[in-house]
PDB file of N, CA and C in Angstrom:
ATOM      1  N   UNK A   1     -12.837  -0.316  15.938  1.00  0.00           N
ATOM      2  CA  UNK A   1     -14.106   0.317  15.652  1.00  0.00           C
ATOM      3  C   UNK A   1     -14.996  -0.692  14.938  1.00  0.00           C
ATOM      4  N   UNK A   2     -16.179  -0.797  15.379  1.00  0.00           N
ATOM      5  CA  UNK A   2     -17.128  -1.694  14.748  1.00  0.00           C
ATOM      6  C   UNK A   2     -17.970  -0.874  13.784  1.00  0.00           C
ATOM      7  N   UNK A   3     -18.033  -1.326  12.534  1.00  0.00           N
ATOM      8  CA  UNK A   3     -18.806  -0.647  11.502  1.00  0.00           C
ATOM      9  C   UNK A   3     -19.552  -1.680  10.679  1.00  0.00           C
ATOM     10  N   UNK A   4     -20.799  -1.422  10.428  1.00  0.00           N
ATOM     11  CA  UNK A   4     -21.579  -2.291   9.554  1.00  0.00           C
ATOM     12  C   UNK A   4     -21.759  -1.593   8.219  1.00  0.00           C
ATOM     13  N   UNK A   5     -21.263  -2.227   7.163  1.00  0.00           N
ATOM     14  CA  UNK A   5     -21.399  -1.665   5.821  1.00  0.00           C
ATOM     15  C   UNK A   5     -21.799  -2.761   4.850  1.00  0.00           C
ATOM     16  N   UNK A   6     -22.452  -2.363   3.801  1.00  0.00           N
ATOM     17  CA  UNK A   6     -22.800  -3.317   2.754  1.00  0.00           C
ATOM     18  C   UNK A   6     -21.761  -3.215   1.649  1.00  0.00           C
ATOM     19  N   UNK A   7     -21.190  -4.357   1.301  1.00  0.00           N
ATOM     20  CA  UNK A   7     -20.171  -4.420   0.246  1.00  0.00           C
ATOM     21  C   UNK A   7     -20.632  -5.449  -0.770  1.00  0.00           C
ATOM     22  N   UNK A   8     -20.459  -5.132  -2.020  1.00  0.00           N
ATOM     23  CA  UNK A   8     -20.837  -6.025  -3.115  1.00  0.00           C
ATOM     24  C   UNK A   8     -20.203  -7.407  -2.904  1.00  0.00           C
ATOM     25  N   UNK A   9     -21.029  -8.446  -2.850  1.00  0.00           N
ATOM     26  CA  UNK A   9     -20.541  -9.812  -2.616  1.00  0.00           C
ATOM     27  C   UNK A   9     -19.536 -10.249  -3.678  1.00  0.00           C
ATOM     28  N   UNK A  10     -19.778  -9.870  -4.928  1.00  0.00           N
ATOM     29  CA  UNK A  10     -18.844 -10.262  -5.999  1.00  0.00           C
ATOM     30  C   UNK A  10     -17.492  -9.591  -5.807  1.00  0.00           C
ATOM     31  N   UNK A  11     -17.514  -8.340  -5.348  1.00  0.00           N
ATOM     32  CA  UNK A  11     -16.267  -7.615  -5.121  1.00  0.00           C
ATOM     33  C   UNK A  11     -15.451  -8.272  -4.015  1.00  0.00           C
ATOM     34  N   UNK A  12     -16.118  -8.640  -2.931  1.00  0.00           N
ATOM     35  CA  UNK A  12     -15.422  -9.330  -1.838  1.00  0.00           C
ATOM     36  C   UNK A  12     -14.889 -10.677  -2.309  1.00  0.00           C
ATOM     37  N   UNK A  13     -15.700 -11.421  -3.048  1.00  0.00           N
ATOM     38  CA  UNK A  13     -15.268 -12.734  -3.535  1.00  0.00           C
ATOM     39  C   UNK A  13     -14.055 -12.602  -4.445  1.00  0.00           C
ATOM     40  N   UNK A  14     -14.069 -11.598  -5.300  1.00  0.00           N
ATOM     41  CA  UNK A  14     -12.920 -11.368  -6.197  1.00  0.00           C
ATOM     42  C   UNK A  14     -11.673 -11.025  -5.401  1.00  0.00           C
ATOM     43  N   UNK A  15     -11.813 -10.162  -4.394  1.00  0.00           N
ATOM     44  CA  UNK A  15     -10.674  -9.762  -3.574  1.00  0.00           C
ATOM     45  C   UNK A  15     -10.134 -10.946  -2.775  1.00  0.00           C
ATOM     46  N   UNK A  16     -11.021 -11.776  -2.252  1.00  0.00           N
ATOM     47  CA  UNK A  16     -10.581 -12.963  -1.517  1.00  0.00           C
ATOM     48  C   UNK A  16      -9.818 -13.910  -2.431  1.00  0.00           C
ATOM     49  N   UNK A  17     -10.332 -14.122  -3.631  1.00  0.00           N
ATOM     50  CA  UNK A  17      -9.668 -15.019  -4.586  1.00  0.00           C
ATOM     51  C   UNK A  17      -8.325 -14.449  -5.035  1.00  0.00           C
ATOM     52  N   UNK A  18      -8.280 -13.154  -5.268  1.00  0.00           N
ATOM     53  CA  UNK A  18      -7.055 -12.521  -5.766  1.00  0.00           C
ATOM     54  C   UNK A  18      -5.939 -12.511  -4.728  1.00  0.00           C
ATOM     55  N   UNK A  19      -6.309 -12.397  -3.455  1.00  0.00           N
ATOM     56  CA  UNK A  19      -5.298 -12.276  -2.408  1.00  0.00           C
ATOM     57  C   UNK A  19      -5.024 -13.578  -1.667  1.00  0.00           C
ATOM     58  N   UNK A  20      -5.973 -14.482  -1.695  1.00  0.00           N
ATOM     59  CA  UNK A  20      -5.819 -15.704  -0.918  1.00  0.00           C
ATOM     60  C   UNK A  20      -6.167 -15.510   0.551  1.00  0.00           C
ATOM     61  N   UNK A  21      -6.641 -14.328   0.879  1.00  0.00           N
ATOM     62  CA  UNK A  21      -7.055 -14.045   2.250  1.00  0.00           C
ATOM     63  C   UNK A  21      -8.347 -14.802   2.521  1.00  0.00           C
ATOM     64  N   UNK A  22      -8.538 -15.212   3.771  1.00  0.00           N
ATOM     65  CA  UNK A  22      -9.658 -16.089   4.085  1.00  0.00           C
ATOM     66  C   UNK A  22     -10.922 -15.376   4.573  1.00  0.00           C
ATOM     67  N   UNK A  23     -10.792 -14.153   5.093  1.00  0.00           N
ATOM     68  CA  UNK A  23     -11.979 -13.485   5.627  1.00  0.00           C
ATOM     69  C   UNK A  23     -12.210 -12.125   4.974  1.00  0.00           C
ATOM     70  N   UNK A  24     -13.479 -11.730   4.950  1.00  0.00           N
ATOM     71  CA  UNK A  24     -13.844 -10.425   4.389  1.00  0.00           C
ATOM     72  C   UNK A  24     -13.218  -9.299   5.209  1.00  0.00           C
ATOM     73  N   UNK A  25     -13.180  -9.466   6.508  1.00  0.00           N
ATOM     74  CA  UNK A  25     -12.591  -8.431   7.361  1.00  0.00           C
ATOM     75  C   UNK A  25     -11.122  -8.185   6.994  1.00  0.00           C
ATOM     76  N   UNK A  26     -10.376  -9.260   6.837  1.00  0.00           N
ATOM     77  CA  UNK A  26      -8.956  -9.122   6.500  1.00  0.00           C
ATOM     78  C   UNK A  26      -8.774  -8.465   5.138  1.00  0.00           C
ATOM     79  N   UNK A  27      -9.604  -8.828   4.179  1.00  0.00           N
ATOM     80  CA  UNK A  27      -9.451  -8.268   2.840  1.00  0.00           C
ATOM     81  C   UNK A  27      -9.843  -6.781   2.828  1.00  0.00           C
ATOM     82  N   UNK A  28     -10.828  -6.401   3.627  1.00  0.00           N
ATOM     83  CA  UNK A  28     -11.197  -4.982   3.735  1.00  0.00           C
ATOM     84  C   UNK A  28     -10.060  -4.207   4.405  1.00  0.00           C
ATOM     85  N   UNK A  29      -9.484  -4.758   5.458  1.00  0.00           N
ATOM     86  CA  UNK A  29      -8.371  -4.093   6.132  1.00  0.00           C
ATOM     87  C   UNK A  29      -7.176  -3.939   5.194  1.00  0.00           C
ATOM     88  N   UNK A  30      -6.880  -4.958   4.408  1.00  0.00           N
ATOM     89  CA  UNK A  30      -5.795  -4.863   3.434  1.00  0.00           C
ATOM     90  C   UNK A  30      -6.084  -3.759   2.426  1.00  0.00           C
ATOM     91  N   UNK A  31      -7.311  -3.684   1.965  1.00  0.00           N
ATOM     92  CA  UNK A  31      -7.691  -2.632   1.021  1.00  0.00           C
ATOM     93  C   UNK A  31      -7.498  -1.250   1.606  1.00  0.00           C
ATOM     94  N   UNK A  32      -7.904  -1.062   2.855  1.00  0.00           N
ATOM     95  CA  UNK A  32      -7.737   0.235   3.512  1.00  0.00           C
ATOM     96  C   UNK A  32      -6.264   0.581   3.688  1.00  0.00           C
ATOM     97  N   UNK A  33      -5.461  -0.388   4.102  1.00  0.00           N
ATOM     98  CA  UNK A  33      -4.021  -0.155   4.260  1.00  0.00           C
ATOM     99  C   UNK A  33      -3.373   0.185   2.929  1.00  0.00           C
ATOM    100  N   UNK A  34      -3.819  -0.461   1.868  1.00  0.00           N
ATOM    101  CA  UNK A  34      -3.269  -0.199   0.538  1.00  0.00           C
ATOM    102  C   UNK A  34      -3.600   1.220   0.090  1.00  0.00           C
ATOM    103  N   UNK A  35      -4.822   1.655   0.325  1.00  0.00           N
ATOM    104  CA  UNK A  35      -5.213   3.027  -0.023  1.00  0.00           C
ATOM    105  C   UNK A  35      -4.348   4.032   0.729  1.00  0.00           C
ATOM    106  N   UNK A  36      -4.147   3.801   2.011  1.00  0.00           N
ATOM    107  CA  UNK A  36      -3.334   4.711   2.820  1.00  0.00           C
ATOM    108  C   UNK A  36      -1.905   4.761   2.307  1.00  0.00           C
ATOM    109  N   UNK A  37      -1.320   3.599   2.008  1.00  0.00           N
ATOM    110  CA  UNK A  37       0.062   3.540   1.512  1.00  0.00           C
ATOM    111  C   UNK A  37       0.197   4.274   0.183  1.00  0.00           C
ATOM    112  N   UNK A  38      -0.772   4.094  -0.718  1.00  0.00           N
ATOM    113  CA  UNK A  38      -0.723   4.772  -2.010  1.00  0.00           C
ATOM    114  C   UNK A  38      -0.823   6.283  -1.853  1.00  0.00           C
ATOM    115  N   UNK A  39      -1.678   6.752  -0.961  1.00  0.00           N
ATOM    116  CA  UNK A  39      -1.812   8.191  -0.727  1.00  0.00           C
ATOM    117  C   UNK A  39      -0.526   8.764  -0.129  1.00  0.00           C
ATOM    118  N   UNK A  40       0.118   8.013   0.761  1.00  0.00           N
ATOM    119  CA  UNK A  40       1.387   8.467   1.328  1.00  0.00           C
ATOM    120  C   UNK A  40       2.455   8.560   0.243  1.00  0.00           C
ATOM    121  N   UNK A  41       2.460   7.609  -0.673  1.00  0.00           N
ATOM    122  CA  UNK A  41       3.421   7.646  -1.773  1.00  0.00           C
ATOM    123  C   UNK A  41       3.166   8.848  -2.667  1.00  0.00           C
ATOM    124  N   UNK A  42       1.913   9.192  -2.895  1.00  0.00           N
ATOM    125  CA  UNK A  42       1.591  10.370  -3.698  1.00  0.00           C
ATOM    126  C   UNK A  42       2.157  11.620  -3.040  1.00  0.00           C
ATOM    127  N   UNK A  43       2.063  11.708  -1.724  1.00  0.00           N
ATOM    128  CA  UNK A  43       2.583  12.875  -1.014  1.00  0.00           C
ATOM    129  C   UNK A  43       4.102  12.951  -1.128  1.00  0.00           C
ATOM    130  N   UNK A  44       4.764  11.823  -1.080  1.00  0.00           N
ATOM    131  CA  UNK A  44       6.219  11.790  -1.190  1.00  0.00           C
ATOM    132  C   UNK A  44       6.665  12.210  -2.583  1.00  0.00           C
ATOM    133  N   UNK A  45       5.891  11.869  -3.595  1.00  0.00           N
ATOM    134  CA  UNK A  45       6.264  12.180  -4.979  1.00  0.00           C
ATOM    135  C   UNK A  45       6.392  13.673  -5.243  1.00  0.00           C
ATOM    136  N   UNK A  46       5.780  14.506  -4.419  1.00  0.00           N
ATOM    137  CA  UNK A  46       5.878  15.946  -4.623  1.00  0.00           C
ATOM    138  C   UNK A  46       7.315  16.445  -4.446  1.00  0.00           C
ATOM    139  N   UNK A  47       8.156  15.646  -3.787  1.00  0.00           N
ATOM    140  CA  UNK A  47       9.542  16.036  -3.564  1.00  0.00           C
ATOM    141  C   UNK A  47      10.482  15.559  -4.664  1.00  0.00           C
ATOM    142  N   UNK A  48       9.970  14.825  -5.631  1.00  0.00           N
ATOM    143  CA  UNK A  48      10.824  14.273  -6.693  1.00  0.00           C
ATOM    144  C   UNK A  48      11.573  15.387  -7.415  1.00  0.00           C
ATOM    145  N   UNK A  49      12.890  15.257  -7.425  1.00  0.00           N
ATOM    146  CA  UNK A  49      13.747  16.226  -8.105  1.00  0.00           C
ATOM    147  C   UNK A  49      13.959  17.513  -7.336  1.00  0.00           C
ATOM    148  N   UNK A  50      13.440  17.607  -6.107  1.00  0.00           N
ATOM    149  CA  UNK A  50      13.543  18.848  -5.344  1.00  0.00           C
ATOM    150  C   UNK A  50      14.475  18.751  -4.145  1.00  0.00           C
ATOM    151  N   UNK A  51      14.916  17.548  -3.805  1.00  0.00           N
ATOM    152  CA  UNK A  51      15.771  17.370  -2.646  1.00  0.00           C
ATOM    153  C   UNK A  51      17.206  17.122  -3.090  1.00  0.00           C
ATOM    154  N   UNK A  52      18.136  17.721  -2.367  1.00  0.00           N
ATOM    155  CA  UNK A  52      19.555  17.535  -2.672  1.00  0.00           C
ATOM    156  C   UNK A  52      20.098  16.420  -1.790  1.00  0.00           C
ATOM    157  N   UNK A  53      20.877  15.515  -2.370  1.00  0.00           N
ATOM    158  CA  UNK A  53      21.444  14.401  -1.632  1.00  0.00           C
ATOM    159  C   UNK A  53      22.939  14.358  -1.880  1.00  0.00           C
ATOM    160  N   UNK A  54      23.705  14.293  -0.812  1.00  0.00           N
ATOM    161  CA  UNK A  54      25.159  14.126  -0.912  1.00  0.00           C
ATOM    162  C   UNK A  54      25.476  12.689  -0.537  1.00  0.00           C
ATOM    163  N   UNK A  55      25.999  11.957  -1.459  1.00  0.00           N
ATOM    164  CA  UNK A  55      26.340  10.578  -1.180  1.00  0.00           C
ATOM    165  C   UNK A  55      27.050   9.957  -2.362  1.00  0.00           C
ATOM    166  N   UNK A  56      27.510   8.745  -2.168  1.00  0.00           N
ATOM    167  CA  UNK A  56      28.234   8.028  -3.203  1.00  0.00           C
ATOM    168  C   UNK A  56      27.557   6.666  -3.390  1.00  0.00           C
ATOM    169  N   UNK A  57      26.769   6.555  -4.430  1.00  0.00           N
ATOM    170  CA  UNK A  57      26.045   5.302  -4.673  1.00  0.00           C
ATOM    171  C   UNK A  57      26.994   4.145  -4.932  1.00  0.00           C
ATOM    172  N   UNK A  58      28.092   4.388  -5.642  1.00  0.00           N
ATOM    173  CA  UNK A  58      29.051   3.321  -5.896  1.00  0.00           C
ATOM    174  C   UNK A  58      29.629   2.767  -4.602  1.00  0.00           C
ATOM    175  N   UNK A  59      29.963   3.642  -3.680  1.00  0.00           N
ATOM    176  CA  UNK A  59      30.501   3.205  -2.392  1.00  0.00           C
ATOM    177  C   UNK A  59      29.438   2.430  -1.610  1.00  0.00           C
ATOM    178  N   UNK A  60      28.226   2.885  -1.643  1.00  0.00           N
ATOM    179  CA  UNK A  60      27.142   2.200  -0.938  1.00  0.00           C
ATOM    180  C   UNK A  60      26.948   0.802  -1.500  1.00  0.00           C
ATOM    181  N   UNK A  61      27.055   0.684  -2.802  1.00  0.00           N
ATOM    182  CA  UNK A  61      26.836  -0.620  -3.434  1.00  0.00           C
ATOM    183  C   UNK A  61      27.951  -1.599  -3.139  1.00  0.00           C
ATOM    184  N   UNK A  62      29.177  -1.114  -3.012  1.00  0.00           N
ATOM    185  CA  UNK A  62      30.285  -2.027  -2.731  1.00  0.00           C
ATOM    186  C   UNK A  62      30.310  -2.458  -1.267  1.00  0.00           C
ATOM    187  N   UNK A  63      29.658  -1.698  -0.404  1.00  0.00           N
ATOM    188  CA  UNK A  63      29.620  -2.055   1.024  1.00  0.00           C
ATOM    189  C   UNK A  63      28.648  -3.196   1.298  1.00  0.00           C
ATOM    190  N   UNK A  64      27.838  -3.546   0.357  1.00  0.00           N
ATOM    191  CA  UNK A  64      26.834  -4.597   0.594  1.00  0.00           C
ATOM    192  C   UNK A  64      27.441  -5.963   0.600  1.00  0.00           C
TER     193      UNK A  64
END
């Protein structure tokens, strides 16, 4: 999808410097992917302490 948007030049420059990414497009795409991943993690957190798991962590660790 082609979209034209205005983004603060200082914000893009900071993001490029912080990530080492070379283009504004790549840094915007990384930002969007990061937002999506964080939102997915928030949705997963609703299950914390609510799911039952049958397993043996000690056995899993020794199999490595």
